[in-house]
Amino acid sequence: MKLQALLFLSAILLSDLEKFAITNYNEGFKNWKLREFKGTAQYKLVASPKPCITLISSQTSFSFSKELFIDLSKYPYLNFEWNVELLPEKGDLRFKELDDQAAQIYVILPFFPELVNYKAIGYVWDTNAPPGVYQSKKFKNIKYVVIRSGTQGLNQWHIEKRNIYEDFKKIWGITPKKQKVVVTISIDSDDTKSFAKASFGDIYFSNE
């Protein structure tokens, strides 16, 4: 037992993981901004068995956004948990008229003037588009990274990790600095006139 305790303590001491929290389920989403693009947002906060927020889309489109001030060179990794239960039928971001996803998480770097001058990467679970990087058909300032596609893995929690610092360098040719960052989670099924349901758990930036 003494050896096990020593190994456990050594593992803790050797870990240099630092987290920059984005979600805080003790305070809920009061510090997030809800935007309804089409229809009325349907969502619920769940405490057990895992604290999360569930987004439900019935031919609607909405998002939650949170503004942060962070040095992405110090915390380059985006970590998040998601669980998709229902994909929008025929959704496919490769086509403007089918651009619906059950789960989207965006990291946005705003510059002056912010309404028109920004660059965003959206990490998504698409119904049909295979994993890869895509230019949004609707917005020139948004590029998608399809992490998961199709029905494989539905109704299961998945933990994702992306080096957002390197992604912005590769995808947009931008080197992030200590600045304002907007993190957005969203869902939509309005273009395909269908339905979607997904949940997000813990979301945070980390140094490794």
C-alpha atoms as a PDB file:
ATOM      1  CA  MET A   1       0.000   0.000   0.000  1.00  0.00           C
ATOM      2  CA  LYS A   2       2.882   2.369   0.780  1.00  0.00           C
ATOM      3  CA  LEU A   3       4.369   1.816  -2.690  1.00  0.00           C
ATOM      4  CA  GLN A   4       1.001   2.410  -4.357  1.00  0.00           C
ATOM      5  CA  ALA A   5       0.526   5.600  -2.378  1.00  0.00           C
ATOM      6  CA  LEU A   6       3.994   6.791  -3.357  1.00  0.00           C
ATOM      7  CA  LEU A   7       3.371   6.096  -7.050  1.00  0.00           C
ATOM      8  CA  PHE A   8       0.049   7.943  -6.886  1.00  0.00           C
ATOM      9  CA  LEU A   9       1.683  10.957  -5.236  1.00  0.00           C
ATOM     10  CA  SER A  10       4.485  10.923  -7.813  1.00  0.00           C
ATOM     11  CA  ALA A  11       1.945  10.930 -10.647  1.00  0.00           C
ATOM     12  CA  ILE A  12       0.259  13.991  -9.143  1.00  0.00           C
ATOM     13  CA  LEU A  13       3.536  15.832  -8.719  1.00  0.00           C
ATOM     14  CA  LEU A  14       4.636  15.051 -12.276  1.00  0.00           C
ATOM     15  CA  SER A  15       1.382  16.310 -13.779  1.00  0.00           C
ATOM     16  CA  ASP A  16       1.598  19.913 -14.937  1.00  0.00           C
ATOM     17  CA  LEU A  17      -1.913  20.056 -16.369  1.00  0.00           C
ATOM     18  CA  GLU A  18      -3.488  23.482 -16.005  1.00  0.00           C
ATOM     19  CA  LYS A  19      -7.100  24.118 -16.929  1.00  0.00           C
ATOM     20  CA  PHE A  20      -8.905  27.292 -17.997  1.00  0.00           C
ATOM     21  CA  ALA A  21     -12.560  26.475 -17.346  1.00  0.00           C
ATOM     22  CA  ILE A  22     -15.260  27.465 -19.819  1.00  0.00           C
ATOM     23  CA  THR A  23     -18.262  25.623 -18.368  1.00  0.00           C
ATOM     24  CA  ASN A  24     -19.202  25.830 -14.715  1.00  0.00           C
ATOM     25  CA  TYR A  25     -22.292  23.794 -13.946  1.00  0.00           C
ATOM     26  CA  ASN A  26     -22.502  25.145 -10.399  1.00  0.00           C
ATOM     27  CA  GLU A  27     -23.409  28.554 -11.812  1.00  0.00           C
ATOM     28  CA  GLY A  28     -25.192  27.232 -14.906  1.00  0.00           C
ATOM     29  CA  PHE A  29     -25.218  29.295 -18.092  1.00  0.00           C
ATOM     30  CA  LYS A  30     -25.999  32.717 -16.622  1.00  0.00           C
ATOM     31  CA  ASN A  31     -22.712  34.080 -18.031  1.00  0.00           C
ATOM     32  CA  TRP A  32     -23.493  32.793 -21.530  1.00  0.00           C
ATOM     33  CA  LYS A  33     -25.418  34.706 -24.187  1.00  0.00           C
ATOM     34  CA  LEU A  34     -28.324  32.895 -25.832  1.00  0.00           C
ATOM     35  CA  ARG A  35     -28.976  33.734 -29.481  1.00  0.00           C
ATOM     36  CA  GLU A  36     -32.040  32.411 -31.292  1.00  0.00           C
ATOM     37  CA  PHE A  37     -31.540  32.526 -35.063  1.00  0.00           C
ATOM     38  CA  LYS A  38     -34.746  30.702 -36.006  1.00  0.00           C
ATOM     39  CA  GLY A  39     -37.516  29.531 -33.740  1.00  0.00           C
ATOM     40  CA  THR A  40     -37.439  29.181 -29.969  1.00  0.00           C
ATOM     41  CA  ALA A  41     -34.517  27.561 -28.177  1.00  0.00           C
ATOM     42  CA  GLN A  42     -35.190  24.305 -26.351  1.00  0.00           C
ATOM     43  CA  TYR A  43     -32.592  23.252 -23.800  1.00  0.00           C
ATOM     44  CA  LYS A  44     -32.213  21.856 -20.303  1.00  0.00           C
ATOM     45  CA  LEU A  45     -29.496  21.636 -17.693  1.00  0.00           C
ATOM     46  CA  VAL A  46     -28.913  18.116 -16.392  1.00  0.00           C
ATOM     47  CA  ALA A  47     -27.189  17.416 -13.060  1.00  0.00           C
ATOM     48  CA  SER A  48     -26.978  13.608 -13.064  1.00  0.00           C
ATOM     49  CA  PRO A  49     -25.387  11.271 -13.970  1.00  0.00           C
ATOM     50  CA  LYS A  50     -23.170  13.878 -15.690  1.00  0.00           C
ATOM     51  CA  PRO A  51     -23.549  17.659 -15.450  1.00  0.00           C
ATOM     52  CA  CYS A  52     -24.349  18.825 -18.962  1.00  0.00           C
ATOM     53  CA  ILE A  53     -26.559  20.978 -21.126  1.00  0.00           C
ATOM     54  CA  THR A  54     -28.884  19.321 -23.635  1.00  0.00           C
ATOM     55  CA  LEU A  55     -29.831  21.214 -26.793  1.00  0.00           C
ATOM     56  CA  ILE A  56     -32.955  20.217 -28.726  1.00  0.00           C
ATOM     57  CA  SER A  57     -33.708  21.509 -32.222  1.00  0.00           C
ATOM     58  CA  SER A  58     -37.096  21.211 -33.890  1.00  0.00           C
ATOM     59  CA  GLN A  59     -36.479  22.931 -37.229  1.00  0.00           C
ATOM     60  CA  THR A  60     -34.772  25.655 -35.199  1.00  0.00           C
ATOM     61  CA  SER A  61     -31.329  27.223 -34.838  1.00  0.00           C
ATOM     62  CA  PHE A  62     -29.785  28.682 -31.657  1.00  0.00           C
ATOM     63  CA  SER A  63     -26.538  29.003 -29.748  1.00  0.00           C
ATOM     64  CA  PHE A  64     -24.934  29.863 -26.408  1.00  0.00           C
ATOM     65  CA  SER A  65     -21.788  32.024 -26.408  1.00  0.00           C
ATOM     66  CA  LYS A  66     -19.285  32.981 -23.730  1.00  0.00           C
ATOM     67  CA  GLU A  67     -16.593  35.668 -23.980  1.00  0.00           C
ATOM     68  CA  LEU A  68     -13.164  35.001 -22.472  1.00  0.00           C
ATOM     69  CA  PHE A  69      -9.831  36.773 -22.276  1.00  0.00           C
ATOM     70  CA  ILE A  70      -7.131  34.151 -22.610  1.00  0.00           C
ATOM     71  CA  ASP A  71      -3.633  33.535 -23.916  1.00  0.00           C
ATOM     72  CA  LEU A  72      -4.052  30.616 -26.322  1.00  0.00           C
ATOM     73  CA  SER A  73      -0.296  30.187 -26.565  1.00  0.00           C
ATOM     74  CA  LYS A  74      -0.400  29.223 -22.871  1.00  0.00           C
ATOM     75  CA  TYR A  75      -3.639  27.205 -23.090  1.00  0.00           C
ATOM     76  CA  PRO A  76      -3.595  25.873 -26.659  1.00  0.00           C
ATOM     77  CA  TYR A  77      -5.839  22.836 -26.206  1.00  0.00           C
ATOM     78  CA  LEU A  78      -9.626  22.854 -26.416  1.00  0.00           C
ATOM     79  CA  ASN A  79     -11.171  19.972 -24.473  1.00  0.00           C
ATOM     80  CA  PHE A  80     -14.854  19.099 -24.585  1.00  0.00           C
ATOM     81  CA  GLU A  81     -17.369  16.317 -24.030  1.00  0.00           C
ATOM     82  CA  TRP A  82     -20.375  15.748 -26.279  1.00  0.00           C
ATOM     83  CA  ASN A  83     -23.143  13.245 -26.825  1.00  0.00           C
ATOM     84  CA  VAL A  84     -25.310  13.313 -29.946  1.00  0.00           C
ATOM     85  CA  GLU A  85     -28.643  11.523 -29.734  1.00  0.00           C
ATOM     86  CA  LEU A  86     -30.344  12.635 -32.946  1.00  0.00           C
ATOM     87  CA  LEU A  87     -28.796  13.891 -36.190  1.00  0.00           C
ATOM     88  CA  PRO A  88     -30.644  16.280 -38.547  1.00  0.00           C
ATOM     89  CA  GLU A  89     -31.858  14.193 -41.451  1.00  0.00           C
ATOM     90  CA  LYS A  90     -29.847  14.805 -44.659  1.00  0.00           C
ATOM     91  CA  GLY A  91     -27.638  17.381 -42.932  1.00  0.00           C
ATOM     92  CA  ASP A  92     -24.471  18.068 -44.933  1.00  0.00           C
ATOM     93  CA  LEU A  93     -22.303  21.181 -44.492  1.00  0.00           C
ATOM     94  CA  ARG A  94     -20.939  20.777 -48.013  1.00  0.00           C
ATOM     95  CA  PHE A  95     -24.251  22.166 -49.289  1.00  0.00           C
ATOM     96  CA  LYS A  96     -25.625  25.544 -48.212  1.00  0.00           C
ATOM     97  CA  GLU A  97     -29.225  24.346 -48.219  1.00  0.00           C
ATOM     98  CA  LEU A  98     -28.373  21.342 -45.976  1.00  0.00           C
ATOM     99  CA  ASP A  99     -25.989  23.031 -43.529  1.00  0.00           C
ATOM    100  CA  ASP A 100     -27.369  21.635 -40.246  1.00  0.00           C
ATOM    101  CA  GLN A 101     -25.504  19.867 -37.433  1.00  0.00           C
ATOM    102  CA  ALA A 102     -26.641  18.367 -34.149  1.00  0.00           C
ATOM    103  CA  ALA A 103     -23.543  19.556 -32.293  1.00  0.00           C
ATOM    104  CA  GLN A 104     -21.228  22.459 -33.019  1.00  0.00           C
ATOM    105  CA  ILE A 105     -18.598  24.126 -30.863  1.00  0.00           C
ATOM    106  CA  TYR A 106     -16.935  27.253 -32.237  1.00  0.00           C
ATOM    107  CA  VAL A 107     -13.844  29.131 -31.171  1.00  0.00           C
ATOM    108  CA  ILE A 108     -13.988  32.683 -32.496  1.00  0.00           C
ATOM    109  CA  LEU A 109     -11.194  35.267 -32.610  1.00  0.00           C
ATOM    110  CA  PRO A 110     -12.759  38.732 -32.972  1.00  0.00           C
ATOM    111  CA  PHE A 111     -10.878  41.749 -34.281  1.00  0.00           C
ATOM    112  CA  PHE A 112     -11.993  45.355 -34.735  1.00  0.00           C
ATOM    113  CA  PRO A 113     -14.703  45.869 -35.952  1.00  0.00           C
ATOM    114  CA  GLU A 114     -15.924  42.615 -34.396  1.00  0.00           C
ATOM    115  CA  LEU A 115     -19.218  42.200 -36.270  1.00  0.00           C
ATOM    116  CA  VAL A 116     -17.471  41.746 -39.606  1.00  0.00           C
ATOM    117  CA  ASN A 117     -13.827  41.169 -38.719  1.00  0.00           C
ATOM    118  CA  TYR A 118     -13.401  37.796 -37.054  1.00  0.00           C
ATOM    119  CA  LYS A 119     -12.148  34.296 -37.792  1.00  0.00           C
ATOM    120  CA  ALA A 120     -13.855  31.181 -36.482  1.00  0.00           C
ATOM    121  CA  ILE A 121     -13.318  27.442 -36.418  1.00  0.00           C
ATOM    122  CA  GLY A 122     -16.351  25.254 -35.840  1.00  0.00           C
ATOM    123  CA  TYR A 123     -15.800  21.707 -34.597  1.00  0.00           C
ATOM    124  CA  VAL A 124     -18.870  19.731 -35.593  1.00  0.00           C
ATOM    125  CA  TRP A 125     -20.584  16.362 -35.753  1.00  0.00           C
ATOM    126  CA  ASP A 126     -22.109  16.242 -39.241  1.00  0.00           C
ATOM    127  CA  THR A 127     -24.706  13.837 -40.584  1.00  0.00           C
ATOM    128  CA  ASN A 128     -23.011  13.139 -43.929  1.00  0.00           C
ATOM    129  CA  ALA A 129     -19.827  15.166 -44.522  1.00  0.00           C
ATOM    130  CA  PRO A 130     -16.758  13.010 -43.755  1.00  0.00           C
ATOM    131  CA  PRO A 131     -14.094  14.183 -41.279  1.00  0.00           C
ATOM    132  CA  GLY A 132     -11.983  17.033 -42.636  1.00  0.00           C
ATOM    133  CA  VAL A 133     -11.724  20.806 -42.973  1.00  0.00           C
ATOM    134  CA  TYR A 134     -14.378  22.722 -44.922  1.00  0.00           C
ATOM    135  CA  GLN A 135     -15.118  26.329 -45.790  1.00  0.00           C
ATOM    136  CA  SER A 136     -18.588  27.383 -44.634  1.00  0.00           C
ATOM    137  CA  LYS A 137     -20.976  27.860 -47.553  1.00  0.00           C
ATOM    138  CA  LYS A 138     -22.786  30.602 -45.642  1.00  0.00           C
ATOM    139  CA  PHE A 139     -20.060  32.642 -43.938  1.00  0.00           C
ATOM    140  CA  LYS A 140     -16.627  33.462 -45.345  1.00  0.00           C
ATOM    141  CA  ASN A 141     -15.175  33.908 -41.834  1.00  0.00           C
ATOM    142  CA  ILE A 142     -16.049  30.385 -40.646  1.00  0.00           C
ATOM    143  CA  LYS A 143     -14.318  27.119 -41.391  1.00  0.00           C
ATOM    144  CA  TYR A 144     -15.551  23.771 -40.166  1.00  0.00           C
ATOM    145  CA  VAL A 145     -13.591  20.850 -38.822  1.00  0.00           C
ATOM    146  CA  VAL A 146     -15.754  17.737 -38.984  1.00  0.00           C
ATOM    147  CA  ILE A 147     -14.610  15.572 -36.080  1.00  0.00           C
ATOM    148  CA  ARG A 148     -17.353  12.957 -36.259  1.00  0.00           C
ATOM    149  CA  SER A 149     -19.797  12.007 -38.989  1.00  0.00           C
ATOM    150  CA  GLY A 150     -22.817   9.765 -39.266  1.00  0.00           C
ATOM    151  CA  THR A 151     -24.505   7.509 -36.768  1.00  0.00           C
ATOM    152  CA  GLN A 152     -21.482   5.669 -35.377  1.00  0.00           C
ATOM    153  CA  GLY A 153     -21.092   6.583 -31.704  1.00  0.00           C
ATOM    154  CA  LEU A 154     -24.557   8.070 -31.230  1.00  0.00           C
ATOM    155  CA  ASN A 155     -25.963   8.050 -27.684  1.00  0.00           C
ATOM    156  CA  GLN A 156     -22.467   7.833 -26.222  1.00  0.00           C
ATOM    157  CA  TRP A 157     -20.273  10.387 -24.507  1.00  0.00           C
ATOM    158  CA  HIS A 158     -17.085  11.254 -26.380  1.00  0.00           C
ATOM    159  CA  ILE A 159     -14.132  13.280 -25.115  1.00  0.00           C
ATOM    160  CA  GLU A 160     -12.422  15.443 -27.743  1.00  0.00           C
ATOM    161  CA  LYS A 161      -9.169  17.397 -27.649  1.00  0.00           C
ATOM    162  CA  ARG A 162      -7.927  19.833 -30.287  1.00  0.00           C
ATOM    163  CA  ASN A 163      -4.831  22.010 -30.445  1.00  0.00           C
ATOM    164  CA  ILE A 164      -6.757  25.173 -31.244  1.00  0.00           C
ATOM    165  CA  TYR A 165      -3.566  27.233 -31.348  1.00  0.00           C
ATOM    166  CA  GLU A 166      -2.110  25.089 -34.144  1.00  0.00           C
ATOM    167  CA  ASP A 167      -5.480  24.788 -35.901  1.00  0.00           C
ATOM    168  CA  PHE A 168      -5.754  28.574 -36.269  1.00  0.00           C
ATOM    169  CA  LYS A 169      -2.213  28.712 -37.632  1.00  0.00           C
ATOM    170  CA  LYS A 170      -2.849  25.930 -40.165  1.00  0.00           C
ATOM    171  CA  ILE A 171      -6.427  26.711 -41.140  1.00  0.00           C
ATOM    172  CA  TRP A 172      -6.453  30.534 -41.048  1.00  0.00           C
ATOM    173  CA  GLY A 173      -2.763  31.474 -41.014  1.00  0.00           C
ATOM    174  CA  ILE A 174      -3.313  33.292 -37.702  1.00  0.00           C
ATOM    175  CA  THR A 175      -1.126  33.010 -34.606  1.00  0.00           C
ATOM    176  CA  PRO A 176      -3.450  33.574 -31.633  1.00  0.00           C
ATOM    177  CA  LYS A 177      -2.234  35.863 -28.857  1.00  0.00           C
ATOM    178  CA  LYS A 178      -3.499  36.972 -25.471  1.00  0.00           C
ATOM    179  CA  GLN A 179      -6.857  38.335 -26.523  1.00  0.00           C
ATOM    180  CA  LYS A 180     -10.620  38.140 -26.396  1.00  0.00           C
ATOM    181  CA  VAL A 181     -11.971  34.739 -27.467  1.00  0.00           C
ATOM    182  CA  VAL A 182     -15.596  33.681 -27.896  1.00  0.00           C
ATOM    183  CA  VAL A 183     -16.622  30.060 -27.359  1.00  0.00           C
ATOM    184  CA  THR A 184     -19.997  29.051 -28.784  1.00  0.00           C
ATOM    185  CA  ILE A 185     -22.029  25.844 -28.635  1.00  0.00           C
ATOM    186  CA  SER A 186     -24.915  25.492 -31.035  1.00  0.00           C
ATOM    187  CA  ILE A 187     -27.395  23.239 -32.795  1.00  0.00           C
ATOM    188  CA  ASP A 188     -29.554  23.632 -35.898  1.00  0.00           C
ATOM    189  CA  SER A 189     -31.956  21.687 -38.078  1.00  0.00           C
ATOM    190  CA  ASP A 190     -33.773  24.564 -39.770  1.00  0.00           C
ATOM    191  CA  ASP A 191     -32.376  24.149 -43.284  1.00  0.00           C
ATOM    192  CA  THR A 192     -33.271  20.460 -43.469  1.00  0.00           C
ATOM    193  CA  LYS A 193     -36.569  21.063 -41.633  1.00  0.00           C
ATOM    194  CA  SER A 194     -35.804  18.150 -39.347  1.00  0.00           C
ATOM    195  CA  PHE A 195     -34.865  17.474 -35.720  1.00  0.00           C
ATOM    196  CA  ALA A 196     -31.676  17.168 -33.684  1.00  0.00           C
ATOM    197  CA  LYS A 197     -30.600  16.583 -30.100  1.00  0.00           C
ATOM    198  CA  ALA A 198     -27.177  16.784 -28.456  1.00  0.00           C
ATOM    199  CA  SER A 199     -25.541  17.414 -25.086  1.00  0.00           C
ATOM    200  CA  PHE A 200     -22.321  19.115 -24.034  1.00  0.00           C
ATOM    201  CA  GLY A 201     -20.499  18.317 -20.801  1.00  0.00           C
ATOM    202  CA  ASP A 202     -17.277  19.789 -19.487  1.00  0.00           C
ATOM    203  CA  ILE A 203     -15.528  22.325 -21.761  1.00  0.00           C
ATOM    204  CA  TYR A 204     -12.156  23.864 -20.955  1.00  0.00           C
ATOM    205  CA  PHE A 205      -8.813  25.002 -22.362  1.00  0.00           C
ATOM    206  CA  SER A 206      -5.625  23.381 -21.103  1.00  0.00           C
ATOM    207  CA  ASN A 207      -1.869  23.788 -21.377  1.00  0.00           C
ATOM    208  CA  GLU A 208      -1.276  20.166 -22.394  1.00  0.00           C
END
